[in-house]
Amino acid sequence: MIIVFDGTFDGLLTSIHAGMKGCRPNAVRSEEHVEAGLFDELIATVTDPDISLRVANGWERERYSNAS
């Protein structure tokens, strides 16, 4: 399974969220760099700025909680 995003940073973070929600991709690729094999399943994600912000905020919280 390959998660495909639009190439933006928000799209990447949205794709990471999709990977955390249960699907376990083998790769995350931008639309420009995706090459599907014969048996690969492509999952396209739609960029969502709200989800992207939640993922970024979660990383910040995790980073600062581990810094102590």
C-alpha atoms as a PDB file:
ATOM      1  CA  MET A   1       0.000   0.000   0.000  1.00  0.00           C
ATOM      2  CA  ILE A   2       1.309   3.422  -0.964  1.00  0.00           C
ATOM      3  CA  ILE A   3      -0.220   6.631   0.368  1.00  0.00           C
ATOM      4  CA  VAL A   4      -0.136   9.382  -2.252  1.00  0.00           C
ATOM      5  CA  PHE A   5      -0.277  13.089  -1.354  1.00  0.00           C
ATOM      6  CA  ASP A   6      -0.226  16.311  -3.370  1.00  0.00           C
ATOM      7  CA  GLY A   7       3.399  17.248  -2.658  1.00  0.00           C
ATOM      8  CA  THR A   8       2.700  19.944  -0.055  1.00  0.00           C
ATOM      9  CA  PHE A   9       3.849  19.825   3.564  1.00  0.00           C
ATOM     10  CA  ASP A  10       0.212  19.927   4.718  1.00  0.00           C
ATOM     11  CA  GLY A  11      -0.467  17.005   2.392  1.00  0.00           C
ATOM     12  CA  LEU A  12       2.434  15.062   3.893  1.00  0.00           C
ATOM     13  CA  LEU A  13       1.163  15.636   7.427  1.00  0.00           C
ATOM     14  CA  THR A  14      -2.346  14.612   6.369  1.00  0.00           C
ATOM     15  CA  SER A  15      -0.878  11.417   4.884  1.00  0.00           C
ATOM     16  CA  ILE A  16       0.982  10.683   8.098  1.00  0.00           C
ATOM     17  CA  HIS A  17      -2.303  11.051   9.967  1.00  0.00           C
ATOM     18  CA  ALA A  18      -3.906   8.553   7.562  1.00  0.00           C
ATOM     19  CA  GLY A  19      -1.075   6.137   8.325  1.00  0.00           C
ATOM     20  CA  MET A  20      -1.665   6.558  12.056  1.00  0.00           C
ATOM     21  CA  LYS A  21      -5.405   5.876  11.678  1.00  0.00           C
ATOM     22  CA  GLY A  22      -5.031   2.198  10.902  1.00  0.00           C
ATOM     23  CA  CYS A  23      -3.721   1.698   7.402  1.00  0.00           C
ATOM     24  CA  ARG A  24      -0.086   0.612   7.411  1.00  0.00           C
ATOM     25  CA  PRO A  25       1.495   1.846   4.187  1.00  0.00           C
ATOM     26  CA  ASN A  26       4.753   0.580   2.761  1.00  0.00           C
ATOM     27  CA  ALA A  27       5.507   4.080   1.506  1.00  0.00           C
ATOM     28  CA  VAL A  28       4.270   7.667   1.387  1.00  0.00           C
ATOM     29  CA  ARG A  29       4.932   9.392  -1.935  1.00  0.00           C
ATOM     30  CA  SER A  30       4.031  12.664  -3.597  1.00  0.00           C
ATOM     31  CA  GLU A  31       2.021  12.542  -6.806  1.00  0.00           C
ATOM     32  CA  GLU A  32       5.151  13.538  -8.714  1.00  0.00           C
ATOM     33  CA  HIS A  33       7.256  10.641  -7.413  1.00  0.00           C
ATOM     34  CA  VAL A  34       4.858   7.735  -7.115  1.00  0.00           C
ATOM     35  CA  GLU A  35       5.587   4.578  -9.093  1.00  0.00           C
ATOM     36  CA  ALA A  36       3.173   1.779  -8.454  1.00  0.00           C
ATOM     37  CA  GLY A  37       4.183  -1.801  -8.887  1.00  0.00           C
ATOM     38  CA  LEU A  38       1.931  -4.459 -10.291  1.00  0.00           C
ATOM     39  CA  PHE A  39       0.444  -5.388  -6.912  1.00  0.00           C
ATOM     40  CA  ASP A  40       0.648  -2.016  -5.126  1.00  0.00           C
ATOM     41  CA  GLU A  41      -2.504  -0.422  -3.815  1.00  0.00           C
ATOM     42  CA  LEU A  42      -2.510   3.377  -4.068  1.00  0.00           C
ATOM     43  CA  ILE A  43      -4.407   5.374  -1.447  1.00  0.00           C
ATOM     44  CA  ALA A  44      -4.845   9.050  -2.359  1.00  0.00           C
ATOM     45  CA  THR A  45      -5.192  11.476   0.529  1.00  0.00           C
ATOM     46  CA  VAL A  46      -6.928  14.830   0.352  1.00  0.00           C
ATOM     47  CA  THR A  47      -4.958  17.598   2.050  1.00  0.00           C
ATOM     48  CA  ASP A  48      -6.744  18.860   5.145  1.00  0.00           C
ATOM     49  CA  PRO A  49      -5.155  21.888   6.865  1.00  0.00           C
ATOM     50  CA  ASP A  50      -6.969  21.129  10.139  1.00  0.00           C
ATOM     51  CA  ILE A  51      -5.589  17.592  10.311  1.00  0.00           C
ATOM     52  CA  SER A  52      -2.166  18.860   9.301  1.00  0.00           C
ATOM     53  CA  LEU A  53      -2.202  21.362  12.156  1.00  0.00           C
ATOM     54  CA  ARG A  54      -3.254  18.658  14.644  1.00  0.00           C
ATOM     55  CA  VAL A  55      -0.359  16.418  13.562  1.00  0.00           C
ATOM     56  CA  ALA A  56       2.133  19.306  13.775  1.00  0.00           C
ATOM     57  CA  ASN A  57       0.842  20.313  17.226  1.00  0.00           C
ATOM     58  CA  GLY A  58       1.076  16.720  18.407  1.00  0.00           C
ATOM     59  CA  TRP A  59       4.716  16.529  17.310  1.00  0.00           C
ATOM     60  CA  GLU A  60       5.468  19.774  19.130  1.00  0.00           C
ATOM     61  CA  ARG A  61       3.879  18.477  22.341  1.00  0.00           C
ATOM     62  CA  GLU A  62       5.800  15.213  22.025  1.00  0.00           C
ATOM     63  CA  ARG A  63       9.067  17.017  21.350  1.00  0.00           C
ATOM     64  CA  TYR A  64       8.753  19.265  24.389  1.00  0.00           C
ATOM     65  CA  SER A  65       7.530  16.491  26.700  1.00  0.00           C
ATOM     66  CA  ASN A  66      10.598  14.380  25.803  1.00  0.00           C
ATOM     67  CA  ALA A  67      12.999  17.317  26.217  1.00  0.00           C
ATOM     68  CA  SER A  68      12.572  17.389  29.997  1.00  0.00           C
END
